[in-house]
Amino acid sequence: PSSSTLLDVQNVVVTFGGIVALDGVSFVIAKGHVQGLIGPNGAG
């Protein structure tokens, strides 16, 4: 993270029952950037 950071995702965990949908995901997005988020079906 820096002064140009717009979004800061910090160690996000999401579970549904016994299923871990997100397991400590972290990343930042700088202002003015186009950021892609990829992954197979069911990746979260």
Full PDB file with SEQRES, HELIX, SHEET, SSBOND, CRYST1, ORIGX, SCALE, CONECT and MASTER records, all heavy atoms in Angstrom:
SEQRES   1 A   44  PRO SER SER SER THR LEU LEU ASP VAL GLN ASN VAL VAL          
SEQRES   2 A   44  VAL THR PHE GLY GLY ILE VAL ALA LEU ASP GLY VAL SER          
SEQRES   3 A   44  PHE VAL ILE ALA LYS GLY HIS VAL GLN GLY LEU ILE GLY          
SEQRES   4 A   44  PRO ASN GLY ALA GLY                                          
SHEET    1 AA1 2 THR A   5  PHE A  16  0                                        
SHEET    2 AA1 2 ILE A  19  ALA A  30 -1                                        
CRYST1    1.000    1.000    1.000  90.00  90.00  90.00 P 1           1          
ORIGX1      1.000000  0.000000  0.000000        0.00000                         
ORIGX2      0.000000  1.000000  0.000000        0.00000                         
ORIGX3      0.000000  0.000000  1.000000        0.00000                         
SCALE1      1.000000  0.000000  0.000000        0.00000                         
SCALE2      0.000000  1.000000  0.000000        0.00000                         
SCALE3      0.000000  0.000000  1.000000        0.00000                         
ATOM      1  N   PRO A   1       0.819  -1.212   0.000  1.00  0.00           N  
ATOM      2  CA  PRO A   1       0.000   0.000   0.000  1.00  0.00           C  
ATOM      3  C   PRO A   1       0.852   1.261   0.000  1.00  0.00           C  
ATOM      4  O   PRO A   1       1.925   1.318   0.596  1.00  0.00           O  
ATOM      5  CB  PRO A   1      -0.804  -0.133   1.301  1.00  0.00           C  
ATOM      6  CG  PRO A   1      -0.831  -1.590   1.594  1.00  0.00           C  
ATOM      7  CD  PRO A   1       0.495  -2.112   1.119  1.00  0.00           C  
ATOM      8  N   SER A   2       0.374   2.301  -0.684  1.00  0.00           N  
ATOM      9  CA  SER A   2       1.056   3.591  -0.726  1.00  0.00           C  
ATOM     10  C   SER A   2      -0.006   4.677  -0.815  1.00  0.00           C  
ATOM     11  O   SER A   2      -1.197   4.406  -0.780  1.00  0.00           O  
ATOM     12  CB  SER A   2       1.987   3.663  -1.945  1.00  0.00           C  
ATOM     13  OG  SER A   2       1.237   3.722  -3.144  1.00  0.00           O  
ATOM     14  N   SER A   3       0.454   5.914  -0.958  1.00  0.00           N  
ATOM     15  CA  SER A   3      -0.488   7.029  -1.043  1.00  0.00           C  
ATOM     16  C   SER A   3      -1.339   6.948  -2.310  1.00  0.00           C  
ATOM     17  O   SER A   3      -2.388   7.575  -2.393  1.00  0.00           O  
ATOM     18  CB  SER A   3       0.277   8.355  -1.020  1.00  0.00           C  
ATOM     19  OG  SER A   3       1.191   8.418  -2.098  1.00  0.00           O  
ATOM     20  N   SER A   4      -0.873   6.165  -3.299  1.00  0.00           N  
ATOM     21  CA  SER A   4      -1.632   6.032  -4.545  1.00  0.00           C  
ATOM     22  C   SER A   4      -2.564   4.824  -4.528  1.00  0.00           C  
ATOM     23  O   SER A   4      -3.225   4.530  -5.512  1.00  0.00           O  
ATOM     24  CB  SER A   4      -0.670   5.903  -5.734  1.00  0.00           C  
ATOM     25  OG  SER A   4       0.056   4.683  -5.659  1.00  0.00           O  
ATOM     26  N   THR A   5      -2.625   4.118  -3.395  1.00  0.00           N  
ATOM     27  CA  THR A   5      -3.478   2.942  -3.294  1.00  0.00           C  
ATOM     28  C   THR A   5      -4.929   3.341  -3.097  1.00  0.00           C  
ATOM     29  O   THR A   5      -5.255   4.122  -2.198  1.00  0.00           O  
ATOM     30  CB  THR A   5      -3.028   2.045  -2.117  1.00  0.00           C  
ATOM     31  OG1 THR A   5      -1.712   1.557  -2.381  1.00  0.00           O  
ATOM     32  CG2 THR A   5      -3.970   0.854  -1.954  1.00  0.00           C  
ATOM     33  N   LEU A   6      -5.818   2.794  -3.918  1.00  0.00           N  
ATOM     34  CA  LEU A   6      -7.248   3.044  -3.758  1.00  0.00           C  
ATOM     35  C   LEU A   6      -7.906   1.926  -2.955  1.00  0.00           C  
ATOM     36  O   LEU A   6      -8.684   2.179  -2.042  1.00  0.00           O  
ATOM     37  CB  LEU A   6      -7.931   3.171  -5.118  1.00  0.00           C  
ATOM     38  CG  LEU A   6      -9.432   3.451  -5.073  1.00  0.00           C  
ATOM     39  CD1 LEU A   6      -9.706   4.831  -4.457  1.00  0.00           C  
ATOM     40  CD2 LEU A   6     -10.048   3.355  -6.465  1.00  0.00           C  
ATOM     41  N   LEU A   7      -7.585   0.679  -3.302  1.00  0.00           N  
ATOM     42  CA  LEU A   7      -8.184  -0.474  -2.637  1.00  0.00           C  
ATOM     43  C   LEU A   7      -7.090  -1.349  -2.045  1.00  0.00           C  
ATOM     44  O   LEU A   7      -6.100  -1.649  -2.715  1.00  0.00           O  
ATOM     45  CB  LEU A   7      -9.015  -1.294  -3.624  1.00  0.00           C  
ATOM     46  CG  LEU A   7      -9.801  -2.458  -3.017  1.00  0.00           C  
ATOM     47  CD1 LEU A   7     -11.016  -1.941  -2.241  1.00  0.00           C  
ATOM     48  CD2 LEU A   7     -10.252  -3.432  -4.110  1.00  0.00           C  
ATOM     49  N   ASP A   8      -7.279  -1.750  -0.794  1.00  0.00           N  
ATOM     50  CA  ASP A   8      -6.306  -2.592  -0.093  1.00  0.00           C  
ATOM     51  C   ASP A   8      -7.048  -3.773   0.533  1.00  0.00           C  
ATOM     52  O   ASP A   8      -7.758  -3.613   1.531  1.00  0.00           O  
ATOM     53  CB  ASP A   8      -5.582  -1.762   0.974  1.00  0.00           C  
ATOM     54  CG  ASP A   8      -4.493  -2.550   1.702  1.00  0.00           C  
ATOM     55  OD1 ASP A   8      -4.227  -3.709   1.314  1.00  0.00           O  
ATOM     56  OD2 ASP A   8      -3.918  -1.998   2.660  1.00  0.00           O  
ATOM     57  N   VAL A   9      -6.919  -4.928  -0.078  1.00  0.00           N  
ATOM     58  CA  VAL A   9      -7.554  -6.154   0.417  1.00  0.00           C  
ATOM     59  C   VAL A   9      -6.548  -6.873   1.310  1.00  0.00           C  
ATOM     60  O   VAL A   9      -5.452  -7.225   0.856  1.00  0.00           O  
ATOM     61  CB  VAL A   9      -7.985  -7.062  -0.758  1.00  0.00           C  
ATOM     62  CG1 VAL A   9      -8.599  -8.365  -0.249  1.00  0.00           C  
ATOM     63  CG2 VAL A   9      -8.972  -6.328  -1.656  1.00  0.00           C  
ATOM     64  N   GLN A  10      -6.903  -7.078   2.590  1.00  0.00           N  
ATOM     65  CA  GLN A  10      -5.946  -7.571   3.580  1.00  0.00           C  
ATOM     66  C   GLN A  10      -6.388  -8.903   4.181  1.00  0.00           C  
ATOM     67  O   GLN A  10      -7.324  -8.941   4.996  1.00  0.00           O  
ATOM     68  CB  GLN A  10      -5.778  -6.543   4.712  1.00  0.00           C  
ATOM     69  CG  GLN A  10      -5.280  -5.186   4.257  1.00  0.00           C  
ATOM     70  CD  GLN A  10      -5.138  -4.198   5.410  1.00  0.00           C  
ATOM     71  OE1 GLN A  10      -5.672  -4.396   6.497  1.00  0.00           O  
ATOM     72  NE2 GLN A  10      -4.423  -3.105   5.165  1.00  0.00           N  
ATOM     73  N   ASN A  11      -5.749  -9.974   3.743  1.00  0.00           N  
ATOM     74  CA  ASN A  11      -5.914 -11.306   4.358  1.00  0.00           C  
ATOM     75  C   ASN A  11      -7.383 -11.691   4.537  1.00  0.00           C  
ATOM     76  O   ASN A  11      -7.802 -12.137   5.614  1.00  0.00           O  
ATOM     77  CB  ASN A  11      -5.201 -11.364   5.717  1.00  0.00           C  
ATOM     78  CG  ASN A  11      -3.711 -11.141   5.581  1.00  0.00           C  
ATOM     79  OD1 ASN A  11      -3.049 -11.792   4.776  1.00  0.00           O  
ATOM     80  ND2 ASN A  11      -3.178 -10.208   6.358  1.00  0.00           N  
ATOM     81  N   VAL A  12      -8.158 -11.540   3.488  1.00  0.00           N  
ATOM     82  CA  VAL A  12      -9.597 -11.799   3.565  1.00  0.00           C  
ATOM     83  C   VAL A  12      -9.878 -13.303   3.544  1.00  0.00           C  
ATOM     84  O   VAL A  12      -9.404 -14.026   2.667  1.00  0.00           O  
ATOM     85  CB  VAL A  12     -10.349 -11.093   2.422  1.00  0.00           C  
ATOM     86  CG1 VAL A  12     -11.798 -11.580   2.326  1.00  0.00           C  
ATOM     87  CG2 VAL A  12     -10.318  -9.579   2.643  1.00  0.00           C  
ATOM     88  N   VAL A  13     -10.648 -13.735   4.530  1.00  0.00           N  
ATOM     89  CA  VAL A  13     -11.066 -15.135   4.642  1.00  0.00           C  
ATOM     90  C   VAL A  13     -12.590 -15.186   4.636  1.00  0.00           C  
ATOM     91  O   VAL A  13     -13.249 -14.445   5.368  1.00  0.00           O  
ATOM     92  CB  VAL A  13     -10.534 -15.787   5.940  1.00  0.00           C  
ATOM     93  CG1 VAL A  13     -11.104 -17.201   6.107  1.00  0.00           C  
ATOM     94  CG2 VAL A  13      -9.013 -15.807   5.940  1.00  0.00           C  
ATOM     95  N   VAL A  14     -13.142 -16.053   3.779  1.00  0.00           N  
ATOM     96  CA  VAL A  14     -14.583 -16.266   3.721  1.00  0.00           C  
ATOM     97  C   VAL A  14     -14.842 -17.762   3.682  1.00  0.00           C  
ATOM     98  O   VAL A  14     -14.261 -18.477   2.858  1.00  0.00           O  
ATOM     99  CB  VAL A  14     -15.222 -15.608   2.481  1.00  0.00           C  
ATOM    100  CG1 VAL A  14     -16.720 -15.937   2.410  1.00  0.00           C  
ATOM    101  CG2 VAL A  14     -15.013 -14.103   2.493  1.00  0.00           C  
ATOM    102  N   THR A  15     -15.696 -18.232   4.579  1.00  0.00           N  
ATOM    103  CA  THR A  15     -16.068 -19.649   4.584  1.00  0.00           C  
ATOM    104  C   THR A  15     -17.575 -19.791   4.510  1.00  0.00           C  
ATOM    105  O   THR A  15     -18.322 -18.945   4.999  1.00  0.00           O  
ATOM    106  CB  THR A  15     -15.553 -20.360   5.849  1.00  0.00           C  
ATOM    107  OG1 THR A  15     -16.121 -19.725   7.010  1.00  0.00           O  
ATOM    108  CG2 THR A  15     -14.037 -20.309   5.938  1.00  0.00           C  
ATOM    109  N   PHE A  16     -18.013 -20.853   3.862  1.00  0.00           N  
ATOM    110  CA  PHE A  16     -19.426 -21.217   3.804  1.00  0.00           C  
ATOM    111  C   PHE A  16     -19.544 -22.633   4.355  1.00  0.00           C  
ATOM    112  O   PHE A  16     -19.231 -23.599   3.660  1.00  0.00           O  
ATOM    113  CB  PHE A  16     -19.955 -21.155   2.370  1.00  0.00           C  
ATOM    114  CG  PHE A  16     -19.835 -19.794   1.732  1.00  0.00           C  
ATOM    115  CD1 PHE A  16     -18.897 -19.551   0.746  1.00  0.00           C  
ATOM    116  CD2 PHE A  16     -20.670 -18.755   2.128  1.00  0.00           C  
ATOM    117  CE1 PHE A  16     -18.792 -18.309   0.151  1.00  0.00           C  
ATOM    118  CE2 PHE A  16     -20.571 -17.494   1.547  1.00  0.00           C  
ATOM    119  CZ  PHE A  16     -19.628 -17.277   0.554  1.00  0.00           C  
ATOM    120  N   GLY A  17     -19.972 -22.722   5.625  1.00  0.00           N  
ATOM    121  CA  GLY A  17     -19.966 -24.032   6.260  1.00  0.00           C  
ATOM    122  C   GLY A  17     -18.532 -24.520   6.379  1.00  0.00           C  
ATOM    123  O   GLY A  17     -17.669 -23.845   6.932  1.00  0.00           O  
ATOM    124  N   GLY A  18     -18.254 -25.673   5.815  1.00  0.00           N  
ATOM    125  CA  GLY A  18     -16.893 -26.199   5.870  1.00  0.00           C  
ATOM    126  C   GLY A  18     -16.070 -25.859   4.646  1.00  0.00           C  
ATOM    127  O   GLY A  18     -14.922 -26.314   4.513  1.00  0.00           O  
ATOM    128  N   ILE A  19     -16.618 -25.058   3.739  1.00  0.00           N  
ATOM    129  CA  ILE A  19     -15.918 -24.727   2.495  1.00  0.00           C  
ATOM    130  C   ILE A  19     -15.228 -23.377   2.635  1.00  0.00           C  
ATOM    131  O   ILE A  19     -15.848 -22.379   3.016  1.00  0.00           O  
ATOM    132  CB  ILE A  19     -16.903 -24.679   1.314  1.00  0.00           C  
ATOM    133  CG1 ILE A  19     -17.567 -26.040   1.115  1.00  0.00           C  
ATOM    134  CG2 ILE A  19     -16.194 -24.246   0.030  1.00  0.00           C  
ATOM    135  CD1 ILE A  19     -18.668 -26.045   0.092  1.00  0.00           C  
ATOM    136  N   VAL A  20     -13.940 -23.345   2.320  1.00  0.00           N  
ATOM    137  CA  VAL A  20     -13.168 -22.103   2.358  1.00  0.00           C  
ATOM    138  C   VAL A  20     -13.212 -21.481   0.968  1.00  0.00           C  
ATOM    139  O   VAL A  20     -12.611 -21.997   0.024  1.00  0.00           O  
ATOM    140  CB  VAL A  20     -11.709 -22.348   2.788  1.00  0.00           C  
ATOM    141  CG1 VAL A  20     -10.937 -21.028   2.793  1.00  0.00           C  
ATOM    142  CG2 VAL A  20     -11.664 -23.002   4.154  1.00  0.00           C  
ATOM    143  N   ALA A  21     -13.941 -20.384   0.830  1.00  0.00           N  
ATOM    144  CA  ALA A  21     -14.088 -19.722  -0.470  1.00  0.00           C  
ATOM    145  C   ALA A  21     -12.933 -18.762  -0.739  1.00  0.00           C  
ATOM    146  O   ALA A  21     -12.481 -18.625  -1.876  1.00  0.00           O  
ATOM    147  CB  ALA A  21     -15.420 -18.989  -0.533  1.00  0.00           C  
ATOM    148  N   LEU A  22     -12.470 -18.067   0.295  1.00  0.00           N  
ATOM    149  CA  LEU A  22     -11.299 -17.210   0.207  1.00  0.00           C  
ATOM    150  C   LEU A  22     -10.404 -17.497   1.394  1.00  0.00           C  
ATOM    151  O   LEU A  22     -10.870 -17.526   2.532  1.00  0.00           O  
ATOM    152  CB  LEU A  22     -11.699 -15.724   0.199  1.00  0.00           C  
ATOM    153  CG  LEU A  22     -12.444 -15.208  -1.034  1.00  0.00           C  
ATOM    154  CD1 LEU A  22     -12.883 -13.758  -0.825  1.00  0.00           C  
ATOM    155  CD2 LEU A  22     -11.597 -15.329  -2.290  1.00  0.00           C  
ATOM    156  N   ASP A  23      -9.133 -17.694   1.119  1.00  0.00           N  
ATOM    157  CA  ASP A  23      -8.203 -18.162   2.146  1.00  0.00           C  
ATOM    158  C   ASP A  23      -7.039 -17.182   2.289  1.00  0.00           C  
ATOM    159  O   ASP A  23      -5.949 -17.397   1.772  1.00  0.00           O  
ATOM    160  CB  ASP A  23      -7.696 -19.556   1.768  1.00  0.00           C  
ATOM    161  CG  ASP A  23      -6.891 -20.218   2.876  1.00  0.00           C  
ATOM    162  OD1 ASP A  23      -6.797 -19.634   3.968  1.00  0.00           O  
ATOM    163  OD2 ASP A  23      -6.360 -21.316   2.636  1.00  0.00           O  
ATOM    164  N   GLY A  24      -7.294 -16.057   2.972  1.00  0.00           N  
ATOM    165  CA  GLY A  24      -6.229 -15.089   3.242  1.00  0.00           C  
ATOM    166  C   GLY A  24      -5.769 -14.328   2.009  1.00  0.00           C  
ATOM    167  O   GLY A  24      -4.570 -14.098   1.835  1.00  0.00           O  
ATOM    168  N   VAL A  25      -6.693 -13.895   1.186  1.00  0.00           N  
ATOM    169  CA  VAL A  25      -6.347 -13.173  -0.047  1.00  0.00           C  
ATOM    170  C   VAL A  25      -5.985 -11.728   0.263  1.00  0.00           C  
ATOM    171  O   VAL A  25      -6.714 -11.037   0.977  1.00  0.00           O  
ATOM    172  CB  VAL A  25      -7.516 -13.222  -1.062  1.00  0.00           C  
ATOM    173  CG1 VAL A  25      -7.234 -12.320  -2.257  1.00  0.00           C  
ATOM    174  CG2 VAL A  25      -7.760 -14.649  -1.514  1.00  0.00           C  
ATOM    175  N   SER A  26      -4.864 -11.287  -0.291  1.00  0.00           N  
ATOM    176  CA  SER A  26      -4.405  -9.908  -0.123  1.00  0.00           C  
ATOM    177  C   SER A  26      -3.899  -9.367  -1.456  1.00  0.00           C  
ATOM    178  O   SER A  26      -3.217 -10.075  -2.198  1.00  0.00           O  
ATOM    179  CB  SER A  26      -3.257  -9.816   0.895  1.00  0.00           C  
ATOM    180  OG  SER A  26      -3.659 -10.227   2.178  1.00  0.00           O  
ATOM    181  N   PHE A  27      -4.223  -8.127  -1.742  1.00  0.00           N  
ATOM    182  CA  PHE A  27      -3.641  -7.401  -2.876  1.00  0.00           C  
ATOM    183  C   PHE A  27      -4.084  -5.947  -2.775  1.00  0.00           C  
ATOM    184  O   PHE A  27      -4.999  -5.612  -2.018  1.00  0.00           O  
ATOM    185  CB  PHE A  27      -4.040  -7.997  -4.238  1.00  0.00           C  
ATOM    186  CG  PHE A  27      -5.510  -7.940  -4.541  1.00  0.00           C  
ATOM    187  CD1 PHE A  27      -6.078  -6.840  -5.183  1.00  0.00           C  
ATOM    188  CD2 PHE A  27      -6.344  -9.003  -4.208  1.00  0.00           C  
ATOM    189  CE1 PHE A  27      -7.434  -6.793  -5.465  1.00  0.00           C  
ATOM    190  CE2 PHE A  27      -7.695  -8.966  -4.487  1.00  0.00           C  
ATOM    191  CZ  PHE A  27      -8.241  -7.857  -5.124  1.00  0.00           C  
ATOM    192  N   VAL A  28      -3.408  -5.086  -3.516  1.00  0.00           N  
ATOM    193  CA  VAL A  28      -3.786  -3.674  -3.548  1.00  0.00           C  
ATOM    194  C   VAL A  28      -3.993  -3.258  -4.993  1.00  0.00           C  
ATOM    195  O   VAL A  28      -3.469  -3.877  -5.930  1.00  0.00           O  
ATOM    196  CB  VAL A  28      -2.727  -2.766  -2.882  1.00  0.00           C  
ATOM    197  CG1 VAL A  28      -2.528  -3.155  -1.433  1.00  0.00           C  
ATOM    198  CG2 VAL A  28      -1.409  -2.797  -3.647  1.00  0.00           C  
ATOM    199  N   ILE A  29      -4.781  -2.203  -5.180  1.00  0.00           N  
ATOM    200  CA  ILE A  29      -4.997  -1.632  -6.509  1.00  0.00           C  
ATOM    201  C   ILE A  29      -4.632  -0.162  -6.449  1.00  0.00           C  
ATOM    202  O   ILE A  29      -5.135   0.584  -5.603  1.00  0.00           O  
ATOM    203  CB  ILE A  29      -6.452  -1.777  -6.979  1.00  0.00           C  
ATOM    204  CG1 ILE A  29      -6.905  -3.247  -6.944  1.00  0.00           C  
ATOM    205  CG2 ILE A  29      -6.607  -1.227  -8.401  1.00  0.00           C  
ATOM    206  CD1 ILE A  29      -8.344  -3.445  -7.373  1.00  0.00           C  
ATOM    207  N   ALA A  30      -3.761   0.265  -7.341  1.00  0.00           N  
ATOM    208  CA  ALA A  30      -3.351   1.665  -7.400  1.00  0.00           C  
ATOM    209  C   ALA A  30      -4.401   2.489  -8.128  1.00  0.00           C  
ATOM    210  O   ALA A  30      -5.078   2.008  -9.041  1.00  0.00           O  
ATOM    211  CB  ALA A  30      -2.004   1.792  -8.104  1.00  0.00           C  
ATOM    212  N   LYS A  31      -4.542   3.730  -7.714  1.00  0.00           N  
ATOM    213  CA  LYS A  31      -5.485   4.633  -8.369  1.00  0.00           C  
ATOM    214  C   LYS A  31      -5.154   4.760  -9.851  1.00  0.00           C  
ATOM    215  O   LYS A  31      -3.996   4.908 -10.237  1.00  0.00           O  
ATOM    216  CB  LYS A  31      -5.439   6.006  -7.698  1.00  0.00           C  
ATOM    217  CG  LYS A  31      -5.942   6.008  -6.266  1.00  0.00           C  
ATOM    218  CD  LYS A  31      -5.844   7.383  -5.639  1.00  0.00           C  
ATOM    219  CE  LYS A  31      -6.332   7.356  -4.178  1.00  0.00           C  
ATOM    220  NZ  LYS A  31      -6.202   8.675  -3.524  1.00  0.00           N  
ATOM    221  N   GLY A  32      -6.184   4.681 -10.681  1.00  0.00           N  
ATOM    222  CA  GLY A  32      -6.011   4.842 -12.116  1.00  0.00           C  
ATOM    223  C   GLY A  32      -5.617   3.592 -12.864  1.00  0.00           C  
ATOM    224  O   GLY A  32      -5.494   3.617 -14.089  1.00  0.00           O  
ATOM    225  N   HIS A  33      -5.435   2.477 -12.154  1.00  0.00           N  
ATOM    226  CA  HIS A  33      -5.050   1.225 -12.804  1.00  0.00           C  
ATOM    227  C   HIS A  33      -6.281   0.435 -13.237  1.00  0.00           C  
ATOM    228  O   HIS A  33      -7.363   0.543 -12.660  1.00  0.00           O  
ATOM    229  CB  HIS A  33      -4.233   0.355 -11.854  1.00  0.00           C  
ATOM    230  CG  HIS A  33      -2.772   0.675 -11.872  1.00  0.00           C  
ATOM    231  ND1 HIS A  33      -1.805  -0.169 -11.385  1.00  0.00           N  
ATOM    232  CD2 HIS A  33      -2.093   1.765 -12.334  1.00  0.00           C  
ATOM    233  CE1 HIS A  33      -0.611   0.364 -11.535  1.00  0.00           C  
ATOM    234  NE2 HIS A  33      -0.766   1.546 -12.101  1.00  0.00           N  
ATOM    235  N   VAL A  34      -6.086  -0.389 -14.273  1.00  0.00           N  
ATOM    236  CA  VAL A  34      -7.009  -1.472 -14.587  1.00  0.00           C  
ATOM    237  C   VAL A  34      -6.357  -2.745 -14.066  1.00  0.00           C  
ATOM    238  O   VAL A  34      -5.256  -3.097 -14.493  1.00  0.00           O  
ATOM    239  CB  VAL A  34      -7.263  -1.594 -16.099  1.00  0.00           C  
ATOM    240  CG1 VAL A  34      -8.157  -2.803 -16.385  1.00  0.00           C  
ATOM    241  CG2 VAL A  34      -7.902  -0.332 -16.652  1.00  0.00           C  
ATOM    242  N   GLN A  35      -7.013  -3.395 -13.118  1.00  0.00           N  
ATOM    243  CA  GLN A  35      -6.460  -4.609 -12.527  1.00  0.00           C  
ATOM    244  C   GLN A  35      -7.349  -5.796 -12.863  1.00  0.00           C  
ATOM    245  O   GLN A  35      -8.567  -5.758 -12.663  1.00  0.00           O  
ATOM    246  CB  GLN A  35      -6.350  -4.472 -11.006  1.00  0.00           C  
ATOM    247  CG  GLN A  35      -5.718  -5.695 -10.333  1.00  0.00           C  
ATOM    248  CD  GLN A  35      -4.694  -5.311  -9.289  1.00  0.00           C  
ATOM    249  OE1 GLN A  35      -3.959  -4.337  -9.454  1.00  0.00           O  
ATOM    250  NE2 GLN A  35      -4.629  -6.064  -8.219  1.00  0.00           N  
ATOM    251  N   GLY A  36      -6.752  -6.837 -13.396  1.00  0.00           N  
ATOM    252  CA  GLY A  36      -7.477  -8.041 -13.730  1.00  0.00           C  
ATOM    253  C   GLY A  36      -7.471  -9.020 -12.570  1.00  0.00           C  
ATOM    254  O   GLY A  36      -6.499  -9.086 -11.805  1.00  0.00           O  
ATOM    255  N   LEU A  37      -8.548  -9.782 -12.430  1.00  0.00           N  
ATOM    256  CA  LEU A  37      -8.656 -10.834 -11.421  1.00  0.00           C  
ATOM    257  C   LEU A  37      -9.075 -12.102 -12.153  1.00  0.00           C  
ATOM    258  O   LEU A  37     -10.167 -12.160 -12.722  1.00  0.00           O  
ATOM    259  CB  LEU A  37      -9.680 -10.459 -10.354  1.00  0.00           C  
ATOM    260  CG  LEU A  37      -9.926 -11.477  -9.233  1.00  0.00           C  
ATOM    261  CD1 LEU A  37      -8.669 -11.686  -8.387  1.00  0.00           C  
ATOM    262  CD2 LEU A  37     -11.087 -11.020  -8.353  1.00  0.00           C  
ATOM    263  N   ILE A  38      -8.198 -13.103 -12.173  1.00  0.00           N  
ATOM    264  CA  ILE A  38      -8.461 -14.316 -12.929  1.00  0.00           C  
ATOM    265  C   ILE A  38      -8.409 -15.545 -12.030  1.00  0.00           C  
ATOM    266  O   ILE A  38      -7.875 -15.511 -10.920  1.00  0.00           O  
ATOM    267  CB  ILE A  38      -7.468 -14.494 -14.096  1.00  0.00           C  
ATOM    268  CG1 ILE A  38      -6.028 -14.696 -13.575  1.00  0.00           C  
ATOM    269  CG2 ILE A  38      -7.533 -13.301 -15.047  1.00  0.00           C  
ATOM    270  CD1 ILE A  38      -5.030 -15.097 -14.647  1.00  0.00           C  
ATOM    271  N   GLY A  39      -8.951 -16.628 -12.539  1.00  0.00           N  
ATOM    272  CA  GLY A  39      -8.941 -17.894 -11.836  1.00  0.00           C  
ATOM    273  C   GLY A  39      -9.996 -18.812 -12.433  1.00  0.00           C  
ATOM    274  O   GLY A  39     -10.958 -18.353 -13.037  1.00  0.00           O  
ATOM    275  N   PRO A  40      -9.846 -20.115 -12.273  1.00  0.00           N  
ATOM    276  CA  PRO A  40     -10.833 -21.062 -12.800  1.00  0.00           C  
ATOM    277  C   PRO A  40     -12.191 -20.870 -12.129  1.00  0.00           C  
ATOM    278  O   PRO A  40     -12.321 -20.173 -11.121  1.00  0.00           O  
ATOM    279  CB  PRO A  40     -10.235 -22.433 -12.445  1.00  0.00           C  
ATOM    280  CG  PRO A  40      -8.804 -22.172 -12.115  1.00  0.00           C  
ATOM    281  CD  PRO A  40      -8.739 -20.785 -11.585  1.00  0.00           C  
ATOM    282  N   ASN A  41     -13.208 -21.505 -12.683  1.00  0.00           N  
ATOM    283  CA  ASN A  41     -14.521 -21.500 -12.040  1.00  0.00           C  
ATOM    284  C   ASN A  41     -14.396 -22.025 -10.613  1.00  0.00           C  
ATOM    285  O   ASN A  41     -13.727 -23.034 -10.375  1.00  0.00           O  
ATOM    286  CB  ASN A  41     -15.500 -22.368 -12.818  1.00  0.00           C  
ATOM    287  CG  ASN A  41     -15.940 -21.723 -14.116  1.00  0.00           C  
ATOM    288  OD1 ASN A  41     -15.955 -20.507 -14.236  1.00  0.00           O  
ATOM    289  ND2 ASN A  41     -16.287 -22.532 -15.102  1.00  0.00           N  
ATOM    290  N   GLY A  42     -15.035 -21.328  -9.670  1.00  0.00           N  
ATOM    291  CA  GLY A  42     -14.968 -21.758  -8.280  1.00  0.00           C  
ATOM    292  C   GLY A  42     -13.733 -21.299  -7.539  1.00  0.00           C  
ATOM    293  O   GLY A  42     -13.519 -21.684  -6.385  1.00  0.00           O  
ATOM    294  N   ALA A  43     -12.919 -20.448  -8.182  1.00  0.00           N  
ATOM    295  CA  ALA A  43     -11.672 -20.009  -7.544  1.00  0.00           C  
ATOM    296  C   ALA A  43     -11.916 -19.014  -6.419  1.00  0.00           C  
ATOM    297  O   ALA A  43     -11.058 -18.832  -5.554  1.00  0.00           O  
ATOM    298  CB  ALA A  43     -10.733 -19.389  -8.590  1.00  0.00           C  
ATOM    299  N   GLY A  44     -13.061 -18.325  -6.433  1.00  0.00           N  
ATOM    300  CA  GLY A  44     -13.352 -17.341  -5.392  1.00  0.00           C  
ATOM    301  C   GLY A  44     -13.500 -15.925  -5.904  1.00  0.00           C  
ATOM    302  O   GLY A  44     -13.658 -14.992  -5.109  1.00  0.00           O  
TER     303      GLY A  44                                                      
MASTER        0    0    0    0    2    0    0    6  302    1    0    4          
END                                                                             
